[in-house]
Amino acid sequence: MSKVLVTDAIAPEGLELLGTAAEVDVKRGLQESELVETIKDYQALVVRSETKVTPAVIRAGRDLRVIARAGIGVDNINLEAATSAGIPVVNAPLGNTVAAAEHTLALMLALARNVPQAHSSMRQGEWRRSAFMGIEVREKTLGIVGLGRVGAEVATRARAFGMSILVHDPFVSADFAARFGARLVPLDELLSSADFITLHTPLTPNTNKLIGKRELGLMGPDTRLINVARGELVDEEALLEALEAGTLGSAALDVFVEEPPSDMTLAQHPKVISTPHLGASTEEAQREVAIEAAEQVLAVLAGRPAANTVNAPNLRPEAQAVLAPFKPVAYILGNLLTNLADGQFAGVTIRYQGEVADHDTAFLTASVLEGLLSPVISEQVNVINAPVLAQRRGLSITEQKSAESSEYPSLITVTLHTNREGVTLTGTSLRDGPHIVRVNDYPVDLDPSVPYLMFVDNRDQPGSVGSVGTVTGQHNINISYMKVARLSPRGMAMMVLGLDDPVPPAVMAEIRSLPHVNSARLVEMPEVAG
């Protein structure tokens, strides 16, 4: 019988499930040196957030077959070391979903009926019925920003209240939103139309302060804002100003930029209902994550694949030499497309040409989707769960194969289809690593290993290249290389700059204001292992 070591507190239901097929030892509070010594005799390790699973622990786990996190985050587990050792790391991303959704609805109802304020008044011996007149949520419009697991659960329950539902999520299809009785709309339309607005998007560079002064200005004086996701999604200073000015009705906050807040001004504002990050704090949620983690462990120990493995598998030996160099190519193509495309994602077409087309390309397709979804999803995305996550968001995935490749021995071409104009990128692997060799119709040769790439659509005319270089030079932004391609003399052209330094928004605005420039976009390139 396999032996499982549990080093953090998990619900007894999880321990009982593990005990049906394994010998379970609970040893909490182990220091790293103690865990290094102890782990040698175990085939599975189950932790929550307290235990740090370091490379030293993983190296010592000579018999380890699986590491499980009873929860969603795996920051305390060294994934690189686990993957190098061939140890799958599994987590429990579903257990907290309903708890977070229900807390969202609890806050929404509390905002609608002034429940905390009325309760506080009663505790003070008052009876002020007229002071706490509320509204019904029936026939009101709920705006959901982010239709992931929690957002979808909120939508399902809000329909039972008789609410109209608007959704903004660039990474799901209209058909997917319709499954929940929701209408997909641009963010500005949602903000200006909804009576209640709830945030369920992950924290990324693009969503940091997603709700700022401009966005708050689009909301009405009776709008109610709810945040049970991440505190950083809202500009707290701008929110406080809007509440003080009366341009926003009220807010309910379960999360804050700093937790606990050192300045309680916002949390204690009379128009704010605040809770101390209780979204996942239910007995049921803690039980569910324990059971979910235990199920993953038992699956791996029984030789079955786990549903929520968060580190990538190895390629099959027979395909290793051909496909391994194209893994970073596929990831970069997907990542770039997410940063370059506009509009609602609808689907992805992936065309394999040349030698790569002779093999099972599911691994590369998953790598494309991993790159595509990683910037926009808070949970760990990898080649195992990326296809499932894409499917859940209603994205259609089409693979095409051709043995012929006229330009290079192997090519991957990926088109991201949106409700606007799609974007197509082609890449290959050369001796020195990944290269992007086509952007839409423009032939290029881009080394994506630079920190930043700037894509400039412009008219081909004298001085166009120099003017962009002048702006970057004036602001001490170093250009690693510049590639220029055009469709016809003095026609449409594309300039791509490999940059060593970030470009501040004001400098990007200066470049976009140049008379020959139609658009300019900066992409921070990911670090991708080969």
Protein backbone atom coordinates (compact mmCIF):
# COMPACT_ATOMS: atom_id res chain seq x y z
CA MET A 1 0.00 0.00 0.00
CA SER A 2 1.28 3.47 -0.92
CA LYS A 3 2.16 5.90 1.85
CA VAL A 4 0.84 9.48 1.87
CA LEU A 5 2.32 12.25 4.00
CA VAL A 6 0.03 15.16 4.92
CA THR A 7 1.90 18.12 6.40
CA ASP A 8 -0.83 20.79 6.66
CA ALA A 9 -4.36 20.86 8.03
CA ILE A 10 -6.95 19.48 5.63
CA ALA A 11 -10.55 18.49 6.26
CA PRO A 12 -11.06 15.00 7.74
CA GLU A 13 -13.12 13.94 4.72
CA GLY A 14 -9.99 14.23 2.59
CA LEU A 15 -7.96 12.17 5.04
CA GLU A 16 -10.68 9.51 5.13
CA LEU A 17 -10.73 9.25 1.34
CA LEU A 18 -6.96 8.90 1.19
CA GLY A 19 -7.14 6.20 3.83
CA THR A 20 -9.34 4.02 1.64
CA ALA A 21 -6.41 3.19 -0.64
CA ALA A 22 -3.24 4.35 1.10
CA GLU A 23 -1.50 4.54 4.45
CA VAL A 24 -1.81 8.14 5.66
CA ASP A 25 0.45 9.95 8.13
CA VAL A 26 -0.27 13.50 9.31
CA LYS A 27 2.82 15.38 10.46
CA ARG A 28 2.23 19.10 10.67
CA GLY A 29 4.72 21.88 11.29
CA LEU A 30 7.78 20.17 9.79
CA GLN A 31 10.76 22.38 9.03
CA GLU A 32 12.50 21.91 5.68
CA SER A 33 15.28 19.76 7.16
CA GLU A 34 12.73 17.57 8.92
CA LEU A 35 10.64 17.22 5.77
CA VAL A 36 13.75 16.33 3.74
CA GLU A 37 14.44 13.50 6.14
CA THR A 38 10.83 12.35 6.41
CA ILE A 39 9.73 12.44 2.76
CA LYS A 40 12.08 9.60 1.74
CA ASP A 41 9.58 6.97 2.77
CA TYR A 42 6.47 8.36 1.04
CA GLN A 43 4.94 8.11 -2.43
CA ALA A 44 2.63 11.14 -2.08
CA LEU A 45 2.79 14.50 -0.33
CA VAL A 46 -0.31 16.59 0.43
CA VAL A 47 0.06 20.23 1.52
CA ARG A 48 -1.86 23.47 1.71
CA SER A 49 -0.13 26.84 1.89
CA GLU A 50 2.03 26.45 4.99
CA THR A 51 4.48 23.78 3.81
CA LYS A 52 7.15 24.89 1.35
CA VAL A 53 7.97 22.11 -1.10
CA THR A 54 11.49 23.13 -2.08
CA PRO A 55 13.91 21.56 -4.57
CA ALA A 56 15.69 19.95 -1.63
CA VAL A 57 12.46 18.30 -0.49
CA ILE A 58 11.72 17.10 -4.01
CA ARG A 59 15.23 15.69 -4.46
CA ALA A 60 14.88 13.83 -1.17
CA GLY A 61 11.55 12.34 -2.23
CA ARG A 62 13.13 9.47 -4.10
CA ASP A 63 9.83 7.53 -4.14
CA LEU A 64 7.50 10.50 -4.64
CA ARG A 65 4.93 9.92 -7.36
CA VAL A 66 2.67 12.93 -6.76
CA ILE A 67 2.53 16.23 -4.85
CA ALA A 68 -0.93 17.64 -4.11
CA ARG A 69 -2.06 21.10 -3.03
CA ALA A 70 -5.44 21.14 -1.27
CA GLY A 71 -6.40 24.43 -2.90
CA ILE A 72 -5.81 26.26 -6.15
CA GLY A 73 -2.47 28.05 -5.68
CA VAL A 74 0.81 26.16 -6.02
CA ASP A 75 3.21 29.02 -5.26
CA ASN A 76 4.64 27.08 -2.33
CA ILE A 77 5.62 24.14 -4.57
CA ASN A 78 8.67 24.36 -6.80
CA LEU A 79 7.12 23.31 -10.10
CA GLU A 80 10.37 23.39 -12.03
CA ALA A 81 12.02 20.95 -9.64
CA ALA A 82 8.96 18.70 -9.61
CA THR A 83 8.74 18.62 -13.38
CA SER A 84 12.45 17.93 -13.74
CA ALA A 85 12.02 15.02 -11.34
CA GLY A 86 9.04 13.72 -13.31
CA ILE A 87 6.66 14.26 -10.38
CA PRO A 88 3.17 15.50 -11.26
CA VAL A 89 1.83 18.34 -9.14
CA VAL A 90 -1.95 18.39 -8.74
CA ASN A 91 -4.30 20.90 -7.14
CA ALA A 92 -7.98 21.43 -6.32
CA PRO A 93 -9.25 24.40 -8.36
CA LEU A 94 -12.98 23.62 -8.16
CA GLY A 95 -13.66 23.32 -4.45
CA ASN A 96 -13.84 27.06 -3.73
CA THR A 97 -15.97 28.00 -6.74
CA VAL A 98 -19.44 27.80 -5.23
CA ALA A 99 -18.31 29.45 -1.99
CA ALA A 100 -16.96 32.47 -3.89
CA ALA A 101 -20.10 32.68 -6.04
CA GLU A 102 -22.41 32.51 -3.03
CA HIS A 103 -20.43 35.17 -1.18
CA THR A 104 -20.77 37.40 -4.23
CA LEU A 105 -24.54 37.01 -4.16
CA ALA A 106 -24.62 37.53 -0.39
CA LEU A 107 -22.86 40.86 -0.85
CA MET A 108 -25.13 41.80 -3.74
CA LEU A 109 -28.23 41.20 -1.63
CA ALA A 110 -26.68 42.99 1.33
CA LEU A 111 -26.07 46.02 -0.91
CA ALA A 112 -29.62 45.89 -2.25
CA ARG A 113 -31.26 45.71 1.18
CA ASN A 114 -28.75 47.59 3.40
CA VAL A 115 -28.50 44.54 5.66
CA PRO A 116 -25.26 45.40 7.56
CA GLN A 117 -26.34 48.99 8.19
CA ALA A 118 -29.74 47.92 9.46
CA HIS A 119 -28.18 45.27 11.68
CA SER A 120 -25.73 47.78 13.15
CA SER A 121 -28.59 50.19 13.84
CA MET A 122 -30.59 47.52 15.62
CA ARG A 123 -27.56 46.61 17.75
CA GLN A 124 -27.57 50.21 18.93
CA GLY A 125 -31.21 49.92 20.05
CA GLU A 126 -32.64 51.85 17.08
CA TRP A 127 -35.73 51.11 14.98
CA ARG A 128 -35.29 53.08 11.73
CA ARG A 129 -37.32 51.33 9.02
CA SER A 130 -37.41 54.29 6.67
CA ALA A 131 -33.66 54.85 6.83
CA PHE A 132 -32.85 51.54 5.15
CA MET A 133 -35.18 51.42 2.16
CA GLY A 134 -33.76 48.94 -0.33
CA ILE A 135 -34.35 47.72 -3.85
CA GLU A 136 -35.22 44.34 -5.37
CA VAL A 137 -32.71 42.58 -7.57
CA ARG A 138 -35.55 41.17 -9.69
CA GLU A 139 -35.54 42.71 -13.19
CA LYS A 140 -32.27 44.50 -12.46
CA THR A 141 -29.23 44.12 -14.70
CA LEU A 142 -26.17 42.31 -13.38
CA GLY A 143 -22.88 42.95 -15.14
CA ILE A 144 -20.33 40.14 -14.74
CA VAL A 145 -16.74 40.95 -15.69
CA GLY A 146 -15.09 37.58 -16.32
CA LEU A 147 -17.06 34.43 -17.13
CA GLY A 148 -14.73 31.85 -15.63
CA ARG A 149 -15.80 29.24 -13.09
CA VAL A 150 -16.96 31.69 -10.42
CA GLY A 151 -18.50 34.13 -12.88
CA ALA A 152 -20.47 31.32 -14.50
CA GLU A 153 -21.78 30.13 -11.12
CA VAL A 154 -22.85 33.69 -10.28
CA ALA A 155 -24.66 33.97 -13.62
CA THR A 156 -26.50 30.70 -13.05
CA ARG A 157 -27.78 31.83 -9.66
CA ALA A 158 -28.57 35.39 -10.76
CA ARG A 159 -30.93 34.05 -13.41
CA ALA A 160 -32.98 32.47 -10.62
CA PHE A 161 -33.41 35.94 -9.14
CA GLY A 162 -34.95 37.13 -12.41
CA MET A 163 -32.02 39.36 -13.32
CA SER A 164 -30.85 40.32 -16.80
CA ILE A 165 -27.20 39.43 -17.25
CA LEU A 166 -24.49 41.21 -19.22
CA VAL A 167 -21.02 39.69 -19.51
CA HIS A 168 -17.69 41.12 -20.55
CA ASP A 169 -14.95 38.59 -21.18
CA PRO A 170 -12.77 38.89 -24.31
CA PHE A 171 -11.76 35.27 -23.98
CA VAL A 172 -15.11 33.49 -24.32
CA SER A 173 -17.52 33.27 -27.23
CA ALA A 174 -21.02 34.74 -27.45
CA ASP A 175 -22.45 31.22 -27.64
CA PHE A 176 -20.70 30.28 -24.40
CA ALA A 177 -22.14 33.33 -22.62
CA ALA A 178 -25.60 32.50 -23.97
CA ARG A 179 -25.49 29.14 -22.17
CA PHE A 180 -25.81 31.13 -18.94
CA GLY A 181 -28.53 33.42 -20.22
CA ALA A 182 -26.04 36.23 -20.61
CA ARG A 183 -25.34 38.69 -23.40
CA LEU A 184 -21.71 39.38 -24.28
CA VAL A 185 -20.96 43.12 -24.49
CA PRO A 186 -17.97 45.49 -24.47
CA LEU A 187 -16.77 46.57 -21.04
CA ASP A 188 -17.92 50.18 -21.43
CA GLU A 189 -21.45 49.08 -22.31
CA LEU A 190 -21.56 46.80 -19.28
CA LEU A 191 -20.33 49.52 -16.93
CA SER A 192 -22.84 52.08 -18.19
CA SER A 193 -25.81 49.69 -18.30
CA ALA A 194 -25.62 47.43 -15.25
CA ASP A 195 -27.30 48.09 -11.90
CA PHE A 196 -24.91 45.69 -10.14
CA ILE A 197 -21.36 44.97 -11.36
CA THR A 198 -19.30 42.06 -10.08
CA LEU A 199 -15.68 41.29 -10.92
CA HIS A 200 -14.43 37.76 -11.57
CA THR A 201 -11.36 38.21 -13.74
CA PRO A 202 -7.83 37.10 -12.83
CA LEU A 203 -5.17 39.63 -11.96
CA THR A 204 -2.87 40.22 -14.94
CA PRO A 205 -0.94 43.26 -16.16
CA ASN A 206 -3.98 44.07 -18.34
CA THR A 207 -6.52 43.79 -15.50
CA ASN A 208 -4.54 45.61 -12.80
CA LYS A 209 -6.77 48.61 -11.95
CA LEU A 210 -9.23 47.43 -14.58
CA ILE A 211 -11.81 49.58 -12.79
CA GLY A 212 -10.20 53.01 -12.60
CA LYS A 213 -11.36 56.60 -12.64
CA ARG A 214 -12.59 56.47 -16.26
CA GLU A 215 -14.46 53.20 -15.75
CA LEU A 216 -16.04 54.41 -12.50
CA GLY A 217 -17.15 57.51 -14.37
CA LEU A 218 -19.18 55.33 -16.74
CA MET A 219 -21.22 53.92 -13.85
CA GLY A 220 -24.33 55.66 -12.59
CA PRO A 221 -24.96 57.17 -9.15
CA ASP A 222 -27.11 54.15 -8.23
CA THR A 223 -24.69 51.48 -9.47
CA ARG A 224 -23.42 48.96 -6.96
CA LEU A 225 -19.93 47.45 -7.41
CA ILE A 226 -18.89 44.06 -5.95
CA ASN A 227 -15.36 42.61 -5.81
CA VAL A 228 -14.73 39.10 -4.47
CA ALA A 229 -11.83 38.42 -6.87
CA ARG A 230 -8.62 40.42 -6.38
CA GLY A 231 -8.22 43.79 -4.72
CA GLU A 232 -5.86 45.02 -7.42
CA LEU A 233 -8.64 44.94 -10.03
CA VAL A 234 -9.99 48.21 -8.60
CA ASP A 235 -8.21 51.54 -8.23
CA GLU A 236 -9.04 52.00 -4.55
CA GLU A 237 -8.23 55.71 -4.53
CA ALA A 238 -10.51 56.34 -7.49
CA LEU A 239 -13.24 54.21 -5.90
CA LEU A 240 -13.09 56.23 -2.71
CA GLU A 241 -13.32 59.47 -4.71
CA ALA A 242 -16.37 58.20 -6.61
CA LEU A 243 -18.13 57.19 -3.39
CA GLU A 244 -17.35 60.53 -1.76
CA ALA A 245 -18.58 62.45 -4.82
CA GLY A 246 -21.77 60.40 -5.05
CA THR A 247 -21.10 59.33 -8.63
CA LEU A 248 -21.21 55.67 -7.54
CA GLY A 249 -23.97 54.26 -5.38
CA SER A 250 -22.11 51.82 -3.17
CA ALA A 251 -19.60 48.97 -3.14
CA ALA A 252 -19.08 45.60 -1.49
CA LEU A 253 -15.46 44.48 -1.10
CA ASP A 254 -14.14 41.14 0.08
CA VAL A 255 -10.61 41.76 -1.20
CA PHE A 256 -8.17 44.64 -0.93
CA VAL A 257 -4.82 45.58 -2.44
CA GLU A 258 -3.25 45.29 1.01
CA GLU A 259 -4.62 42.60 3.31
CA PRO A 260 -5.33 43.45 5.99
CA PRO A 261 -5.54 47.13 4.95
CA SER A 262 -3.30 49.42 6.97
CA ASP A 263 -5.64 52.27 6.07
CA MET A 264 -9.25 51.28 6.76
CA THR A 265 -10.80 54.43 5.23
CA LEU A 266 -12.26 52.58 2.25
CA ALA A 267 -13.24 49.45 4.18
CA GLN A 268 -15.08 51.52 6.79
CA HIS A 269 -16.73 53.96 4.39
CA PRO A 270 -20.49 54.28 5.02
CA LYS A 271 -21.24 53.32 1.41
CA VAL A 272 -19.04 50.20 1.55
CA ILE A 273 -19.84 46.72 2.84
CA SER A 274 -16.54 44.99 3.61
CA THR A 275 -15.58 41.46 4.61
CA PRO A 276 -12.10 40.06 5.40
CA HIS A 277 -11.49 37.89 2.30
CA LEU A 278 -14.20 35.36 3.10
CA GLY A 279 -14.91 34.23 -0.46
CA ALA A 280 -13.62 30.69 0.07
CA SER A 281 -14.19 30.50 3.81
CA THR A 282 -16.91 27.90 4.14
CA GLU A 283 -16.84 24.51 5.78
CA GLU A 284 -18.07 23.00 2.54
CA ALA A 285 -15.32 24.61 0.47
CA GLN A 286 -12.60 23.37 2.80
CA ARG A 287 -14.13 19.90 2.67
CA GLU A 288 -14.42 19.99 -1.12
CA VAL A 289 -10.79 21.03 -1.74
CA ALA A 290 -9.60 18.27 0.61
CA ILE A 291 -11.68 15.66 -1.22
CA GLU A 292 -10.65 17.00 -4.63
CA ALA A 293 -6.96 16.88 -3.73
CA ALA A 294 -7.34 13.35 -2.34
CA GLU A 295 -9.03 12.19 -5.54
CA GLN A 296 -6.12 13.52 -7.59
CA VAL A 297 -3.57 11.75 -5.40
CA LEU A 298 -5.38 8.42 -5.55
CA ALA A 299 -5.72 8.68 -9.34
CA VAL A 300 -1.97 9.13 -9.80
CA LEU A 301 -1.10 6.40 -7.31
CA ALA A 302 -3.42 4.07 -9.23
CA GLY A 303 -1.67 4.86 -12.49
CA ARG A 304 -4.48 7.02 -13.88
CA PRO A 305 -4.09 10.60 -15.20
CA ALA A 306 -5.19 13.32 -12.79
CA ALA A 307 -7.70 15.90 -14.01
CA ASN A 308 -5.84 18.87 -12.51
CA THR A 309 -2.13 18.32 -13.12
CA VAL A 310 -0.43 21.72 -13.19
CA ASN A 311 3.00 20.85 -14.54
CA ALA A 312 3.74 19.76 -18.08
CA PRO A 313 4.43 16.18 -19.12
CA ASN A 314 7.43 15.04 -21.15
CA LEU A 315 7.22 14.38 -24.88
CA ARG A 316 7.18 10.83 -26.11
CA PRO A 317 10.74 9.69 -26.89
CA GLU A 318 10.05 9.07 -30.59
CA ALA A 319 8.81 12.66 -31.07
CA GLN A 320 11.24 14.40 -28.75
CA ALA A 321 13.87 15.37 -31.33
CA VAL A 322 11.35 16.85 -33.78
CA LEU A 323 8.69 18.42 -31.58
CA ALA A 324 10.60 19.60 -28.51
CA PRO A 325 12.19 22.61 -30.30
CA PHE A 326 8.71 23.70 -31.42
CA LYS A 327 7.20 23.80 -27.95
CA PRO A 328 8.50 27.34 -27.25
CA VAL A 329 7.54 28.35 -30.82
CA ALA A 330 3.95 27.24 -30.23
CA TYR A 331 3.75 28.95 -26.83
CA ILE A 332 5.14 32.24 -28.14
CA LEU A 333 2.74 32.25 -31.10
CA GLY A 334 -0.22 31.85 -28.75
CA ASN A 335 1.06 34.43 -26.29
CA LEU A 336 1.70 36.99 -29.01
CA LEU A 337 -1.73 36.47 -30.53
CA THR A 338 -3.45 37.23 -27.22
CA ASN A 339 -1.50 40.47 -26.99
CA LEU A 340 -2.02 41.50 -30.63
CA ALA A 341 -5.65 40.58 -31.29
CA ASP A 342 -8.69 42.78 -30.64
CA GLY A 343 -12.27 41.73 -30.03
CA GLN A 344 -13.98 38.59 -28.75
CA PHE A 345 -12.08 35.34 -29.14
CA ALA A 346 -14.02 32.91 -31.32
CA GLY A 347 -11.59 30.20 -32.31
CA VAL A 348 -8.08 29.18 -33.29
CA THR A 349 -6.82 27.55 -36.47
CA ILE A 350 -3.40 25.87 -36.25
CA ARG A 351 -1.66 24.69 -39.42
CA TYR A 352 1.36 22.39 -39.24
CA GLN A 353 3.60 22.15 -42.29
CA GLY A 354 6.62 19.99 -43.01
CA GLU A 355 8.22 17.50 -40.68
CA VAL A 356 6.18 18.45 -37.60
CA ALA A 357 3.02 17.46 -39.48
CA ASP A 358 4.20 13.82 -39.54
CA HIS A 359 3.77 13.49 -35.77
CA ASP A 360 1.00 13.71 -33.19
CA THR A 361 0.77 17.47 -32.73
CA ALA A 362 -1.63 17.49 -29.77
CA PHE A 363 1.27 18.52 -27.52
CA LEU A 364 2.03 21.53 -29.73
CA THR A 365 -1.62 22.50 -30.03
CA ALA A 366 -1.85 22.45 -26.25
CA SER A 367 1.28 24.62 -26.12
CA VAL A 368 -0.35 27.18 -28.44
CA LEU A 369 -3.41 27.25 -26.17
CA GLU A 370 -1.18 27.49 -23.11
CA GLY A 371 0.41 30.62 -24.53
CA LEU A 372 -2.95 31.99 -25.63
CA LEU A 373 -4.67 31.57 -22.26
CA SER A 374 -1.84 32.10 -19.76
CA PRO A 375 -2.04 35.92 -19.88
CA VAL A 376 -5.77 35.94 -19.15
CA ILE A 377 -6.46 33.13 -16.68
CA SER A 378 -5.52 33.26 -13.01
CA GLU A 379 -5.13 29.52 -12.50
CA GLN A 380 -2.06 27.61 -13.64
CA VAL A 381 -2.30 26.89 -17.38
CA ASN A 382 -0.25 24.13 -18.98
CA VAL A 383 -0.30 21.70 -21.88
CA ILE A 384 -2.51 19.33 -19.91
CA ASN A 385 -5.35 21.67 -18.94
CA ALA A 386 -5.11 24.31 -21.70
CA PRO A 387 -7.34 22.40 -24.17
CA VAL A 388 -9.97 21.87 -21.46
CA LEU A 389 -9.87 25.55 -20.47
CA ALA A 390 -10.22 26.59 -24.11
CA GLN A 391 -13.16 24.27 -24.58
CA ARG A 392 -14.85 25.60 -21.46
CA ARG A 393 -14.62 29.09 -22.94
CA GLY A 394 -16.30 28.03 -26.15
CA LEU A 395 -13.23 28.41 -28.36
CA SER A 396 -13.23 26.27 -31.50
CA ILE A 397 -9.88 24.62 -32.21
CA THR A 398 -9.05 23.56 -35.78
CA GLU A 399 -5.92 21.67 -36.76
CA GLN A 400 -4.65 21.45 -40.34
CA LYS A 401 -1.64 19.49 -41.59
CA SER A 402 0.43 19.56 -44.73
CA ALA A 403 3.59 17.60 -45.49
CA GLU A 404 4.78 20.41 -47.76
CA SER A 405 6.64 23.46 -46.47
CA SER A 406 8.28 25.53 -49.17
CA GLU A 407 10.10 28.07 -47.00
CA TYR A 408 11.35 26.09 -43.98
CA PRO A 409 11.58 22.39 -43.02
CA SER A 410 8.74 22.89 -40.52
CA LEU A 411 6.28 25.70 -39.84
CA ILE A 412 3.48 26.41 -37.39
CA THR A 413 0.89 28.97 -38.49
CA VAL A 414 -1.73 30.08 -35.97
CA THR A 415 -4.75 32.26 -36.70
CA LEU A 416 -6.76 33.68 -33.82
CA HIS A 417 -10.28 34.41 -35.01
CA THR A 418 -12.22 37.21 -33.30
CA ASN A 419 -15.39 39.15 -33.98
CA ARG A 420 -13.18 41.82 -35.51
CA GLU A 421 -10.18 41.18 -37.71
CA GLY A 422 -8.22 38.06 -36.84
CA VAL A 423 -4.45 37.88 -36.54
CA THR A 424 -2.16 35.25 -38.10
CA LEU A 425 1.40 34.44 -37.02
CA THR A 426 3.84 31.90 -38.44
CA GLY A 427 6.84 30.57 -36.59
CA THR A 428 9.59 28.01 -36.88
CA SER A 429 12.62 26.74 -35.00
CA LEU A 430 16.05 27.52 -36.34
CA ARG A 431 19.46 26.71 -34.88
CA ASP A 432 19.31 29.47 -32.31
CA GLY A 433 15.70 28.89 -31.19
CA PRO A 434 12.21 30.17 -32.00
CA HIS A 435 11.65 32.65 -34.82
CA ILE A 436 8.52 34.47 -35.99
CA VAL A 437 8.66 34.49 -39.79
CA ARG A 438 5.33 36.04 -40.76
CA VAL A 439 2.88 38.50 -39.19
CA ASN A 440 -0.37 38.44 -41.16
CA ASP A 441 0.78 39.05 -44.74
CA TYR A 442 4.13 40.56 -43.78
CA PRO A 443 7.26 38.36 -44.11
CA VAL A 444 9.62 38.99 -41.19
CA ASP A 445 12.30 37.25 -39.15
CA LEU A 446 11.84 38.07 -35.48
CA ASP A 447 13.90 36.79 -32.57
CA PRO A 448 11.36 36.65 -29.70
CA SER A 449 14.02 36.33 -27.00
CA VAL A 450 14.15 40.11 -26.52
CA PRO A 451 12.34 41.60 -23.50
CA TYR A 452 9.87 43.60 -25.62
CA LEU A 453 8.51 43.68 -29.17
CA MET A 454 6.82 46.75 -30.61
CA PHE A 455 4.58 46.27 -33.65
CA VAL A 456 3.99 49.43 -35.71
CA ASP A 457 1.53 49.54 -38.61
CA ASN A 458 2.51 52.44 -40.80
CA ARG A 459 2.64 53.87 -44.30
CA ASP A 460 5.82 53.18 -46.23
CA GLN A 461 7.31 56.62 -46.78
CA PRO A 462 10.66 58.36 -46.35
CA GLY A 463 11.46 59.08 -42.72
CA SER A 464 9.00 56.61 -41.22
CA VAL A 465 11.68 54.34 -39.76
CA GLY A 466 13.83 57.21 -38.57
CA SER A 467 11.01 59.02 -36.78
CA VAL A 468 10.20 55.99 -34.63
CA GLY A 469 13.88 55.47 -33.89
CA THR A 470 14.20 59.12 -32.95
CA VAL A 471 11.41 58.90 -30.38
CA THR A 472 12.85 55.78 -28.75
CA GLY A 473 16.32 57.31 -28.73
CA GLN A 474 15.10 60.53 -27.13
CA HIS A 475 13.66 58.47 -24.27
CA ASN A 476 16.74 56.26 -23.82
CA ILE A 477 14.97 53.12 -25.09
CA ASN A 478 17.50 50.77 -26.64
CA ILE A 479 16.59 49.03 -29.89
CA SER A 480 18.00 45.51 -30.18
CA TYR A 481 16.87 45.19 -33.81
CA MET A 482 14.32 46.56 -36.25
CA LYS A 483 12.57 44.61 -39.01
CA VAL A 484 10.58 46.32 -41.75
CA ALA A 485 8.22 44.66 -44.23
CA ARG A 486 5.85 46.19 -46.75
CA LEU A 487 3.14 45.03 -49.12
CA SER A 488 3.99 47.54 -51.84
CA PRO A 489 6.22 50.62 -52.30
CA ARG A 490 4.74 53.56 -50.37
CA GLY A 491 1.83 51.35 -49.33
CA MET A 492 1.04 49.58 -46.06
CA ALA A 493 4.03 48.46 -44.03
CA MET A 494 4.92 46.95 -40.69
CA MET A 495 7.81 47.86 -38.46
CA VAL A 496 8.78 45.50 -35.63
CA LEU A 497 11.26 46.67 -33.02
CA GLY A 498 13.03 44.35 -30.62
CA LEU A 499 13.58 46.41 -27.48
CA ASP A 500 15.74 46.02 -24.39
CA ASP A 501 13.71 48.50 -22.31
CA PRO A 502 10.04 49.06 -21.45
CA VAL A 503 8.19 51.85 -23.24
CA PRO A 504 6.10 54.09 -20.95
CA PRO A 505 2.50 54.78 -22.03
CA ALA A 506 3.35 58.42 -22.78
CA VAL A 507 6.07 57.35 -25.23
CA MET A 508 3.72 54.87 -26.90
CA ALA A 509 1.23 57.71 -27.30
CA GLU A 510 3.95 59.84 -28.88
CA ILE A 511 4.75 57.09 -31.40
CA ARG A 512 1.07 56.59 -32.22
CA SER A 513 0.76 60.33 -32.88
CA LEU A 514 3.39 60.26 -35.64
CA PRO A 515 1.68 61.20 -38.93
CA HIS A 516 2.58 58.00 -40.79
CA VAL A 517 1.69 55.60 -37.95
CA ASN A 518 -1.70 53.88 -38.01
CA SER A 519 -1.23 51.88 -34.82
CA ALA A 520 1.48 50.74 -32.43
CA ARG A 521 1.40 47.99 -29.84
CA LEU A 522 3.98 46.92 -27.27
CA VAL A 523 4.24 43.30 -26.09
CA GLU A 524 6.28 42.18 -23.09
CA MET A 525 7.71 38.84 -24.15
CA PRO A 526 7.45 35.83 -21.85
CA GLU A 527 10.45 33.83 -20.74
CA VAL A 528 10.02 30.42 -22.30
CA ALA A 529 12.16 27.38 -21.69
CA GLY A 530 13.16 25.39 -24.73
